[in-house]
């Protein structure tokens, strides 16, 4: 059973530091050839939508200069990567010797994802740096989402790895996008997931929502289980989040709350909040396939080596 580490947090970044000490992942990082930290700047303008710089700084302090770190992202709206670095205070992290990588200019590999007809015929370009990195770290703030209920560590990496001008192509309806996110995650799964939930976003996320204090940080080596536990603490059933459900079915981790082992706090479910969902939430739940659609999709998954 994969462990999820949880710590109470009295301020942004503080809980992440506690989680890292609970996890003891320093040797994991030291063995890595290259470390890429994927942050979330979906908007280069909206502070609440971004990964808090304090959370990333806690990780860098934890590493203590033992490893070279690349911080990677490409905002979807609101300005450039450089704009986001300056607006969100990330430029100070240069003191730790990090390298900043604008994924919009990265080399890429091409993938095909699902369209509205549930055929895998939509071509997108995905960052080679993200695909080839041997130690990928996802650090996020928990947020509600306008299409897939919640955006957490896995979605941060998957969508962020798609070159910005191709990201809109994955929006092919609730059924297709959840399939596509799960499929791409099989190639882009982080080795370490960190969630700074001191303050999250509820309502019309991932940009237009409002703050809600969760007062927790979470981390783990299995990002699917970390995301599932975070979704539970946000008041959602992770089995209702399509891409998480698919990845669990495909053997990437447990998402049933009763099967999640939490380390660091007692009776973790007592911390559960009820994040106000996006206004389209009830429509977002319509991601499940009909029996005929499922049969057709599973044939492709077999061809891709995902289902056996």
C-alpha atoms as a PDB file:
ATOM      1  CA  UNK A   1       0.000   0.000   0.000  1.00  0.00           C
ATOM      2  CA  UNK A   2       1.455   3.394  -1.021  1.00  0.00           C
ATOM      3  CA  UNK A   3       1.967   5.858   1.793  1.00  0.00           C
ATOM      4  CA  UNK A   4       0.820   9.458   1.769  1.00  0.00           C
ATOM      5  CA  UNK A   5       2.594  11.772   4.187  1.00  0.00           C
ATOM      6  CA  UNK A   6       0.491  14.542   5.718  1.00  0.00           C
ATOM      7  CA  UNK A   7       1.488  17.407   7.997  1.00  0.00           C
ATOM      8  CA  UNK A   8      -0.370  20.305   9.542  1.00  0.00           C
ATOM      9  CA  UNK A   9       0.731  23.672   8.195  1.00  0.00           C
ATOM     10  CA  UNK A  10       0.721  27.075   9.880  1.00  0.00           C
ATOM     11  CA  UNK A  11       1.880  28.938   6.788  1.00  0.00           C
ATOM     12  CA  UNK A  12       2.678  28.602   3.102  1.00  0.00           C
ATOM     13  CA  UNK A  13       5.622  26.254   2.593  1.00  0.00           C
ATOM     14  CA  UNK A  14       5.883  25.241   6.243  1.00  0.00           C
ATOM     15  CA  UNK A  15       3.900  22.021   5.852  1.00  0.00           C
ATOM     16  CA  UNK A  16       5.905  21.017   2.781  1.00  0.00           C
ATOM     17  CA  UNK A  17       9.094  21.173   4.828  1.00  0.00           C
ATOM     18  CA  UNK A  18       7.518  18.943   7.487  1.00  0.00           C
ATOM     19  CA  UNK A  19       6.355  16.442   4.860  1.00  0.00           C
ATOM     20  CA  UNK A  20       9.802  16.230   3.283  1.00  0.00           C
ATOM     21  CA  UNK A  21      11.379  15.449   6.644  1.00  0.00           C
ATOM     22  CA  UNK A  22       8.747  12.787   7.277  1.00  0.00           C
ATOM     23  CA  UNK A  23       9.358  11.202   3.879  1.00  0.00           C
ATOM     24  CA  UNK A  24      13.165  11.234   3.876  1.00  0.00           C
ATOM     25  CA  UNK A  25      13.614  11.497   0.095  1.00  0.00           C
ATOM     26  CA  UNK A  26      17.055  13.090   0.020  1.00  0.00           C
ATOM     27  CA  UNK A  27      18.765   9.917  -1.208  1.00  0.00           C
ATOM     28  CA  UNK A  28      16.189   9.612  -3.996  1.00  0.00           C
ATOM     29  CA  UNK A  29      17.250  13.022  -5.258  1.00  0.00           C
ATOM     30  CA  UNK A  30      20.966  12.321  -4.892  1.00  0.00           C
ATOM     31  CA  UNK A  31      20.649   9.234  -7.099  1.00  0.00           C
ATOM     32  CA  UNK A  32      18.928  11.223  -9.842  1.00  0.00           C
ATOM     33  CA  UNK A  33      20.786  12.347 -12.941  1.00  0.00           C
ATOM     34  CA  UNK A  34      18.500  15.317 -13.467  1.00  0.00           C
ATOM     35  CA  UNK A  35      15.768  16.845 -11.297  1.00  0.00           C
ATOM     36  CA  UNK A  36      12.971  18.811 -12.898  1.00  0.00           C
ATOM     37  CA  UNK A  37      10.531  20.591 -10.602  1.00  0.00           C
ATOM     38  CA  UNK A  38       7.270  21.259 -12.436  1.00  0.00           C
ATOM     39  CA  UNK A  39       5.413  24.167 -10.884  1.00  0.00           C
ATOM     40  CA  UNK A  40       1.978  25.442 -11.858  1.00  0.00           C
ATOM     41  CA  UNK A  41       1.735  28.857 -13.517  1.00  0.00           C
ATOM     42  CA  UNK A  42      -1.487  28.246 -15.431  1.00  0.00           C
ATOM     43  CA  UNK A  43      -1.854  32.012 -15.206  1.00  0.00           C
ATOM     44  CA  UNK A  44       1.188  34.267 -15.122  1.00  0.00           C
ATOM     45  CA  UNK A  45      -0.927  36.892 -13.373  1.00  0.00           C
ATOM     46  CA  UNK A  46      -3.108  35.234 -10.705  1.00  0.00           C
ATOM     47  CA  UNK A  47      -1.168  34.486  -7.512  1.00  0.00           C
ATOM     48  CA  UNK A  48      -3.770  32.100  -6.069  1.00  0.00           C
ATOM     49  CA  UNK A  49      -3.560  29.913  -9.191  1.00  0.00           C
ATOM     50  CA  UNK A  50       0.204  29.429  -8.868  1.00  0.00           C
ATOM     51  CA  UNK A  51       2.417  27.046  -6.918  1.00  0.00           C
ATOM     52  CA  UNK A  52       3.563  29.067  -3.880  1.00  0.00           C
ATOM     53  CA  UNK A  53       7.240  29.970  -4.179  1.00  0.00           C
ATOM     54  CA  UNK A  54       7.669  29.161  -0.483  1.00  0.00           C
ATOM     55  CA  UNK A  55       6.813  25.511  -1.175  1.00  0.00           C
ATOM     56  CA  UNK A  56       9.505  25.250  -3.858  1.00  0.00           C
ATOM     57  CA  UNK A  57      11.986  27.042  -1.621  1.00  0.00           C
ATOM     58  CA  UNK A  58      11.356  24.481   1.124  1.00  0.00           C
ATOM     59  CA  UNK A  59      12.257  21.715  -1.301  1.00  0.00           C
ATOM     60  CA  UNK A  60      15.437  23.495  -2.356  1.00  0.00           C
ATOM     61  CA  UNK A  61      16.423  24.056   1.278  1.00  0.00           C
ATOM     62  CA  UNK A  62      15.777  20.384   1.948  1.00  0.00           C
ATOM     63  CA  UNK A  63      18.123  19.387  -0.877  1.00  0.00           C
ATOM     64  CA  UNK A  64      20.813  21.634   0.596  1.00  0.00           C
ATOM     65  CA  UNK A  65      22.528  22.191  -2.728  1.00  0.00           C
ATOM     66  CA  UNK A  66      23.209  18.487  -3.281  1.00  0.00           C
ATOM     67  CA  UNK A  67      21.667  18.418  -6.738  1.00  0.00           C
ATOM     68  CA  UNK A  68      21.125  20.567  -9.794  1.00  0.00           C
ATOM     69  CA  UNK A  69      17.462  21.530 -10.122  1.00  0.00           C
ATOM     70  CA  UNK A  70      15.523  22.800 -13.133  1.00  0.00           C
ATOM     71  CA  UNK A  71      12.263  24.656 -12.505  1.00  0.00           C
ATOM     72  CA  UNK A  72      10.025  24.248 -15.529  1.00  0.00           C
ATOM     73  CA  UNK A  73       6.716  25.669 -16.731  1.00  0.00           C
ATOM     74  CA  UNK A  74       5.022  27.627 -19.518  1.00  0.00           C
ATOM     75  CA  UNK A  75       1.997  29.728 -18.519  1.00  0.00           C
ATOM     76  CA  UNK A  76      -1.233  29.296 -20.425  1.00  0.00           C
ATOM     77  CA  UNK A  77      -2.493  32.872 -19.997  1.00  0.00           C
ATOM     78  CA  UNK A  78      -1.569  36.202 -18.478  1.00  0.00           C
ATOM     79  CA  UNK A  79       1.996  36.626 -19.658  1.00  0.00           C
ATOM     80  CA  UNK A  80       5.300  34.899 -20.238  1.00  0.00           C
ATOM     81  CA  UNK A  81       7.269  32.463 -18.103  1.00  0.00           C
ATOM     82  CA  UNK A  82       9.616  35.317 -17.182  1.00  0.00           C
ATOM     83  CA  UNK A  83       6.617  37.455 -16.182  1.00  0.00           C
ATOM     84  CA  UNK A  84       5.405  34.693 -13.871  1.00  0.00           C
ATOM     85  CA  UNK A  85       8.821  34.177 -12.291  1.00  0.00           C
ATOM     86  CA  UNK A  86       9.007  37.857 -11.440  1.00  0.00           C
ATOM     87  CA  UNK A  87       5.391  38.289 -10.353  1.00  0.00           C
ATOM     88  CA  UNK A  88       5.374  35.240  -8.077  1.00  0.00           C
ATOM     89  CA  UNK A  89       8.792  35.886  -6.508  1.00  0.00           C
ATOM     90  CA  UNK A  90      10.605  32.971  -8.121  1.00  0.00           C
ATOM     91  CA  UNK A  91      13.597  35.002  -9.264  1.00  0.00           C
ATOM     92  CA  UNK A  92      14.986  34.830  -5.724  1.00  0.00           C
ATOM     93  CA  UNK A  93      15.416  31.081  -6.169  1.00  0.00           C
ATOM     94  CA  UNK A  94      18.384  31.810  -8.431  1.00  0.00           C
ATOM     95  CA  UNK A  95      20.343  32.070  -5.166  1.00  0.00           C
ATOM     96  CA  UNK A  96      19.963  28.268  -4.878  1.00  0.00           C
ATOM     97  CA  UNK A  97      21.637  27.726  -8.249  1.00  0.00           C
ATOM     98  CA  UNK A  98      18.480  26.557 -10.012  1.00  0.00           C
ATOM     99  CA  UNK A  99      17.942  26.763 -13.749  1.00  0.00           C
ATOM    100  CA  UNK A 100      14.651  28.095 -15.119  1.00  0.00           C
ATOM    101  CA  UNK A 101      13.233  26.373 -18.198  1.00  0.00           C
ATOM    102  CA  UNK A 102      10.457  27.855 -20.327  1.00  0.00           C
ATOM    103  CA  UNK A 103       8.765  24.757 -21.705  1.00  0.00           C
ATOM    104  CA  UNK A 104       7.217  26.735 -24.560  1.00  0.00           C
ATOM    105  CA  UNK A 105      10.575  26.617 -26.321  1.00  0.00           C
ATOM    106  CA  UNK A 106      11.456  23.023 -25.521  1.00  0.00           C
ATOM    107  CA  UNK A 107      12.043  20.236 -28.030  1.00  0.00           C
ATOM    108  CA  UNK A 108       9.144  17.813 -28.228  1.00  0.00           C
ATOM    109  CA  UNK A 109       7.756  14.401 -29.111  1.00  0.00           C
ATOM    110  CA  UNK A 110       4.421  13.935 -30.826  1.00  0.00           C
ATOM    111  CA  UNK A 111       1.549  11.970 -29.291  1.00  0.00           C
ATOM    112  CA  UNK A 112      -1.986  11.212 -30.359  1.00  0.00           C
ATOM    113  CA  UNK A 113      -4.817  11.689 -27.859  1.00  0.00           C
ATOM    114  CA  UNK A 114      -8.566  11.199 -27.991  1.00  0.00           C
ATOM    115  CA  UNK A 115     -10.975  13.423 -29.874  1.00  0.00           C
ATOM    116  CA  UNK A 116     -14.709  13.928 -29.348  1.00  0.00           C
ATOM    117  CA  UNK A 117     -15.419  10.863 -31.465  1.00  0.00           C
ATOM    118  CA  UNK A 118     -13.302   8.842 -28.983  1.00  0.00           C
ATOM    119  CA  UNK A 119     -10.766   8.083 -31.667  1.00  0.00           C
ATOM    120  CA  UNK A 120      -7.111   8.758 -30.867  1.00  0.00           C
ATOM    121  CA  UNK A 121      -6.582  11.140 -33.755  1.00  0.00           C
ATOM    122  CA  UNK A 122      -5.580  14.450 -32.120  1.00  0.00           C
ATOM    123  CA  UNK A 123      -1.860  15.193 -32.495  1.00  0.00           C
ATOM    124  CA  UNK A 124      -0.099  17.135 -29.736  1.00  0.00           C
ATOM    125  CA  UNK A 125       3.498  18.030 -28.918  1.00  0.00           C
ATOM    126  CA  UNK A 126       4.944  17.109 -25.512  1.00  0.00           C
ATOM    127  CA  UNK A 127       8.134  18.441 -23.895  1.00  0.00           C
ATOM    128  CA  UNK A 128      11.149  16.182 -24.326  1.00  0.00           C
ATOM    129  CA  UNK A 129      12.708  17.501 -21.125  1.00  0.00           C
ATOM    130  CA  UNK A 130       9.696  16.327 -19.150  1.00  0.00           C
ATOM    131  CA  UNK A 131       9.547  12.978 -20.919  1.00  0.00           C
ATOM    132  CA  UNK A 132      13.257  12.227 -20.476  1.00  0.00           C
ATOM    133  CA  UNK A 133      13.744  13.518 -16.934  1.00  0.00           C
ATOM    134  CA  UNK A 134      14.644  10.702 -14.525  1.00  0.00           C
ATOM    135  CA  UNK A 135      13.412  12.511 -11.377  1.00  0.00           C
ATOM    136  CA  UNK A 136      10.322  14.591 -11.989  1.00  0.00           C
ATOM    137  CA  UNK A 137       8.881  16.514  -9.026  1.00  0.00           C
ATOM    138  CA  UNK A 138       5.421  18.100  -9.061  1.00  0.00           C
ATOM    139  CA  UNK A 139       4.711  20.843  -6.516  1.00  0.00           C
ATOM    140  CA  UNK A 140       1.208  22.317  -6.540  1.00  0.00           C
ATOM    141  CA  UNK A 141      -1.559  24.079  -4.713  1.00  0.00           C
ATOM    142  CA  UNK A 142      -4.845  22.078  -4.557  1.00  0.00           C
ATOM    143  CA  UNK A 143      -7.447  23.630  -6.839  1.00  0.00           C
ATOM    144  CA  UNK A 144     -10.839  22.895  -8.291  1.00  0.00           C
ATOM    145  CA  UNK A 145     -11.043  22.703 -12.067  1.00  0.00           C
ATOM    146  CA  UNK A 146     -13.428  23.678 -14.843  1.00  0.00           C
ATOM    147  CA  UNK A 147     -13.299  20.341 -16.679  1.00  0.00           C
ATOM    148  CA  UNK A 148     -11.896  17.482 -14.552  1.00  0.00           C
ATOM    149  CA  UNK A 149     -13.083  18.376 -11.015  1.00  0.00           C
ATOM    150  CA  UNK A 150      -9.626  18.949  -9.485  1.00  0.00           C
ATOM    151  CA  UNK A 151      -6.134  19.803 -10.670  1.00  0.00           C
ATOM    152  CA  UNK A 152      -3.359  18.326  -8.554  1.00  0.00           C
ATOM    153  CA  UNK A 153       0.139  16.903  -8.994  1.00  0.00           C
ATOM    154  CA  UNK A 154      -0.507  14.608 -11.984  1.00  0.00           C
ATOM    155  CA  UNK A 155      -2.515  17.047 -14.064  1.00  0.00           C
ATOM    156  CA  UNK A 156       0.039  19.775 -13.342  1.00  0.00           C
ATOM    157  CA  UNK A 157       2.725  17.685 -15.002  1.00  0.00           C
ATOM    158  CA  UNK A 158       0.674  16.265 -17.859  1.00  0.00           C
ATOM    159  CA  UNK A 159      -0.912  19.467 -19.124  1.00  0.00           C
ATOM    160  CA  UNK A 160       2.180  21.533 -18.398  1.00  0.00           C
ATOM    161  CA  UNK A 161       4.287  19.178 -20.498  1.00  0.00           C
ATOM    162  CA  UNK A 162       2.124  19.838 -23.563  1.00  0.00           C
ATOM    163  CA  UNK A 163       3.507  22.757 -25.543  1.00  0.00           C
ATOM    164  CA  UNK A 164       1.211  25.750 -24.813  1.00  0.00           C
ATOM    165  CA  UNK A 165      -0.266  26.123 -28.301  1.00  0.00           C
ATOM    166  CA  UNK A 166      -1.383  22.472 -28.258  1.00  0.00           C
ATOM    167  CA  UNK A 167      -3.027  22.402 -24.820  1.00  0.00           C
ATOM    168  CA  UNK A 168      -6.434  23.419 -26.095  1.00  0.00           C
ATOM    169  CA  UNK A 169      -6.444  20.326 -28.320  1.00  0.00           C
ATOM    170  CA  UNK A 170      -6.983  17.988 -25.356  1.00  0.00           C
ATOM    171  CA  UNK A 171     -10.305  19.699 -24.582  1.00  0.00           C
ATOM    172  CA  UNK A 172     -12.477  17.325 -26.581  1.00  0.00           C
ATOM    173  CA  UNK A 173     -15.256  16.767 -24.051  1.00  0.00           C
ATOM    174  CA  UNK A 174     -15.308  15.197 -20.600  1.00  0.00           C
ATOM    175  CA  UNK A 175     -14.840  11.632 -21.825  1.00  0.00           C
ATOM    176  CA  UNK A 176     -11.917  12.334 -24.109  1.00  0.00           C
ATOM    177  CA  UNK A 177      -9.954  14.652 -21.838  1.00  0.00           C
ATOM    178  CA  UNK A 178      -9.957  12.236 -18.916  1.00  0.00           C
ATOM    179  CA  UNK A 179      -8.734   9.424 -21.152  1.00  0.00           C
ATOM    180  CA  UNK A 180      -6.046  11.639 -22.640  1.00  0.00           C
ATOM    181  CA  UNK A 181      -4.799  12.892 -19.274  1.00  0.00           C
ATOM    182  CA  UNK A 182      -4.547   9.354 -17.907  1.00  0.00           C
ATOM    183  CA  UNK A 183      -2.772   8.077 -21.029  1.00  0.00           C
ATOM    184  CA  UNK A 184      -0.205  10.884 -21.018  1.00  0.00           C
ATOM    185  CA  UNK A 185       0.330  10.384 -17.286  1.00  0.00           C
ATOM    186  CA  UNK A 186       1.607   6.867 -17.980  1.00  0.00           C
ATOM    187  CA  UNK A 187       4.551   8.571 -19.732  1.00  0.00           C
ATOM    188  CA  UNK A 188       4.913  11.546 -17.378  1.00  0.00           C
ATOM    189  CA  UNK A 189       4.328  10.210 -13.875  1.00  0.00           C
ATOM    190  CA  UNK A 190       6.229  12.241 -11.244  1.00  0.00           C
ATOM    191  CA  UNK A 191       8.593  10.484  -8.841  1.00  0.00           C
ATOM    192  CA  UNK A 192       7.661  12.902  -6.040  1.00  0.00           C
ATOM    193  CA  UNK A 193       4.391  14.737  -5.477  1.00  0.00           C
ATOM    194  CA  UNK A 194       4.137  17.651  -3.032  1.00  0.00           C
ATOM    195  CA  UNK A 195       0.908  19.524  -2.326  1.00  0.00           C
ATOM    196  CA  UNK A 196       0.979  22.790  -0.394  1.00  0.00           C
ATOM    197  CA  UNK A 197      -2.563  22.950   0.897  1.00  0.00           C
ATOM    198  CA  UNK A 198      -2.126  25.704   3.437  1.00  0.00           C
ATOM    199  CA  UNK A 199      -4.411  27.698   1.153  1.00  0.00           C
ATOM    200  CA  UNK A 200      -6.108  26.118  -1.848  1.00  0.00           C
ATOM    201  CA  UNK A 201      -8.583  27.329  -4.461  1.00  0.00           C
ATOM    202  CA  UNK A 202     -12.269  26.460  -4.524  1.00  0.00           C
ATOM    203  CA  UNK A 203     -15.082  27.422  -6.862  1.00  0.00           C
ATOM    204  CA  UNK A 204     -14.320  28.335 -10.443  1.00  0.00           C
ATOM    205  CA  UNK A 205     -10.740  27.138 -10.615  1.00  0.00           C
ATOM    206  CA  UNK A 206      -8.142  26.724 -11.904  1.00  0.00           C
ATOM    207  CA  UNK A 207      -7.822  30.527 -12.223  1.00  0.00           C
ATOM    208  CA  UNK A 208     -11.044  32.242 -11.206  1.00  0.00           C
ATOM    209  CA  UNK A 209     -11.719  30.570  -7.867  1.00  0.00           C
ATOM    210  CA  UNK A 210     -11.464  31.852  -4.312  1.00  0.00           C
ATOM    211  CA  UNK A 211      -9.125  30.934  -1.434  1.00  0.00           C
ATOM    212  CA  UNK A 212      -9.939  28.241   1.099  1.00  0.00           C
ATOM    213  CA  UNK A 213      -7.668  27.289   3.975  1.00  0.00           C
ATOM    214  CA  UNK A 214      -6.983  23.571   4.238  1.00  0.00           C
ATOM    215  CA  UNK A 215      -4.022  23.965   6.578  1.00  0.00           C
ATOM    216  CA  UNK A 216      -2.247  20.812   5.414  1.00  0.00           C
ATOM    217  CA  UNK A 217       0.582  19.674   3.180  1.00  0.00           C
ATOM    218  CA  UNK A 218       0.790  16.267   1.528  1.00  0.00           C
ATOM    219  CA  UNK A 219       3.534  14.314  -0.190  1.00  0.00           C
ATOM    220  CA  UNK A 220       4.430  10.899  -1.476  1.00  0.00           C
ATOM    221  CA  UNK A 221       6.288   8.823  -4.011  1.00  0.00           C
ATOM    222  CA  UNK A 222       3.048   7.705  -5.631  1.00  0.00           C
ATOM    223  CA  UNK A 223       1.397  10.827  -7.090  1.00  0.00           C
ATOM    224  CA  UNK A 224      -1.860   9.033  -7.839  1.00  0.00           C
ATOM    225  CA  UNK A 225      -2.393   8.146  -4.195  1.00  0.00           C
ATOM    226  CA  UNK A 226      -1.282  11.634  -3.106  1.00  0.00           C
ATOM    227  CA  UNK A 227      -3.790  13.203  -5.491  1.00  0.00           C
ATOM    228  CA  UNK A 228      -6.524  10.839  -4.344  1.00  0.00           C
ATOM    229  CA  UNK A 229      -5.907  11.705  -0.676  1.00  0.00           C
ATOM    230  CA  UNK A 230      -5.880  15.416  -1.517  1.00  0.00           C
ATOM    231  CA  UNK A 231      -9.160  15.080  -3.402  1.00  0.00           C
ATOM    232  CA  UNK A 232     -10.704  13.389  -0.361  1.00  0.00           C
ATOM    233  CA  UNK A 233      -9.536  16.230   1.877  1.00  0.00           C
ATOM    234  CA  UNK A 234     -11.095  18.686  -0.581  1.00  0.00           C
ATOM    235  CA  UNK A 235     -14.425  16.899  -0.121  1.00  0.00           C
ATOM    236  CA  UNK A 236     -14.446  14.963  -3.407  1.00  0.00           C
ATOM    237  CA  UNK A 237     -14.572  11.253  -4.104  1.00  0.00           C
ATOM    238  CA  UNK A 238     -11.441  10.510  -6.176  1.00  0.00           C
ATOM    239  CA  UNK A 239     -13.352   7.730  -7.917  1.00  0.00           C
ATOM    240  CA  UNK A 240     -15.476  10.489  -9.485  1.00  0.00           C
ATOM    241  CA  UNK A 241     -12.388  12.094 -11.057  1.00  0.00           C
ATOM    242  CA  UNK A 242     -12.019  10.379 -14.413  1.00  0.00           C
ATOM    243  CA  UNK A 243      -8.275  10.469 -15.003  1.00  0.00           C
ATOM    244  CA  UNK A 244      -7.551   9.332 -11.428  1.00  0.00           C
ATOM    245  CA  UNK A 245     -10.050   6.508 -11.781  1.00  0.00           C
ATOM    246  CA  UNK A 246      -8.485   5.323 -15.053  1.00  0.00           C
ATOM    247  CA  UNK A 247      -4.972   5.332 -13.636  1.00  0.00           C
ATOM    248  CA  UNK A 248      -6.114   3.310 -10.660  1.00  0.00           C
ATOM    249  CA  UNK A 249      -7.805   0.787 -12.958  1.00  0.00           C
ATOM    250  CA  UNK A 250      -4.551   0.571 -14.933  1.00  0.00           C
ATOM    251  CA  UNK A 251      -2.571  -0.346 -11.826  1.00  0.00           C
ATOM    252  CA  UNK A 252      -0.813   2.923 -10.955  1.00  0.00           C
ATOM    253  CA  UNK A 253      -2.041   3.183  -7.373  1.00  0.00           C
ATOM    254  CA  UNK A 254      -4.892   3.094  -4.898  1.00  0.00           C
ATOM    255  CA  UNK A 255      -7.532   5.827  -4.774  1.00  0.00           C
ATOM    256  CA  UNK A 256     -10.166   4.296  -2.497  1.00  0.00           C
ATOM    257  CA  UNK A 257     -10.020   6.359   0.740  1.00  0.00           C
ATOM    258  CA  UNK A 258     -10.194   3.160   2.815  1.00  0.00           C
ATOM    259  CA  UNK A 259      -7.076   1.824   1.080  1.00  0.00           C
ATOM    260  CA  UNK A 260      -4.917   4.922   1.506  1.00  0.00           C
ATOM    261  CA  UNK A 261      -2.296   4.705   4.257  1.00  0.00           C
ATOM    262  CA  UNK A 262      -1.608   8.120   5.766  1.00  0.00           C
ATOM    263  CA  UNK A 263       1.498   8.846   7.840  1.00  0.00           C
ATOM    264  CA  UNK A 264       2.018  11.951   9.977  1.00  0.00           C
ATOM    265  CA  UNK A 265      -1.416  12.741  11.400  1.00  0.00           C
ATOM    266  CA  UNK A 266      -3.995  10.747  13.303  1.00  0.00           C
ATOM    267  CA  UNK A 267      -7.462  10.231  11.870  1.00  0.00           C
ATOM    268  CA  UNK A 268      -6.669  12.089   8.658  1.00  0.00           C
ATOM    269  CA  UNK A 269     -10.284  12.258   7.518  1.00  0.00           C
ATOM    270  CA  UNK A 270     -11.157  14.674  10.334  1.00  0.00           C
ATOM    271  CA  UNK A 271      -9.255  17.340   8.387  1.00  0.00           C
ATOM    272  CA  UNK A 272     -11.612  17.051   5.436  1.00  0.00           C
ATOM    273  CA  UNK A 273     -13.031  20.310   4.100  1.00  0.00           C
ATOM    274  CA  UNK A 274     -15.722  20.805   1.516  1.00  0.00           C
ATOM    275  CA  UNK A 275     -14.242  22.808  -1.341  1.00  0.00           C
ATOM    276  CA  UNK A 276     -16.956  24.498  -3.349  1.00  0.00           C
ATOM    277  CA  UNK A 277     -16.785  22.795  -6.774  1.00  0.00           C
ATOM    278  CA  UNK A 278     -16.717  24.543 -10.117  1.00  0.00           C
ATOM    279  CA  UNK A 279     -20.125  25.689 -11.361  1.00  0.00           C
ATOM    280  CA  UNK A 280     -19.962  23.000 -14.086  1.00  0.00           C
ATOM    281  CA  UNK A 281     -19.191  20.212 -11.608  1.00  0.00           C
ATOM    282  CA  UNK A 282     -22.272  18.076 -12.265  1.00  0.00           C
ATOM    283  CA  UNK A 283     -21.518  18.058 -15.994  1.00  0.00           C
ATOM    284  CA  UNK A 284     -17.881  17.145 -15.365  1.00  0.00           C
ATOM    285  CA  UNK A 285     -19.027  13.852 -13.835  1.00  0.00           C
ATOM    286  CA  UNK A 286     -20.202  12.695 -17.275  1.00  0.00           C
ATOM    287  CA  UNK A 287     -16.823  11.206 -18.191  1.00  0.00           C
ATOM    288  CA  UNK A 288     -17.775   7.530 -17.932  1.00  0.00           C
ATOM    289  CA  UNK A 289     -17.978   5.559 -21.174  1.00  0.00           C
ATOM    290  CA  UNK A 290     -20.885   3.526 -22.445  1.00  0.00           C
ATOM    291  CA  UNK A 291     -20.249  -0.213 -22.758  1.00  0.00           C
ATOM    292  CA  UNK A 292     -19.726   0.151 -26.508  1.00  0.00           C
ATOM    293  CA  UNK A 293     -17.345   3.103 -26.075  1.00  0.00           C
ATOM    294  CA  UNK A 294     -15.428   1.268 -23.387  1.00  0.00           C
ATOM    295  CA  UNK A 295     -14.963  -1.761 -25.620  1.00  0.00           C
ATOM    296  CA  UNK A 296     -13.622   0.407 -28.447  1.00  0.00           C
ATOM    297  CA  UNK A 297     -11.271   2.378 -26.203  1.00  0.00           C
ATOM    298  CA  UNK A 298      -9.918  -0.708 -24.465  1.00  0.00           C
ATOM    299  CA  UNK A 299      -8.860  -2.149 -27.807  1.00  0.00           C
ATOM    300  CA  UNK A 300      -6.641   0.907 -28.281  1.00  0.00           C
ATOM    301  CA  UNK A 301      -5.337   0.650 -24.724  1.00  0.00           C
ATOM    302  CA  UNK A 302      -4.292  -2.934 -25.405  1.00  0.00           C
ATOM    303  CA  UNK A 303      -2.461  -1.773 -28.522  1.00  0.00           C
ATOM    304  CA  UNK A 304      -0.690   0.879 -26.450  1.00  0.00           C
ATOM    305  CA  UNK A 305       0.332  -1.722 -23.860  1.00  0.00           C
ATOM    306  CA  UNK A 306      -1.683  -0.056 -21.094  1.00  0.00           C
ATOM    307  CA  UNK A 307      -4.291  -2.793 -20.641  1.00  0.00           C
ATOM    308  CA  UNK A 308      -3.321  -6.450 -20.719  1.00  0.00           C
END
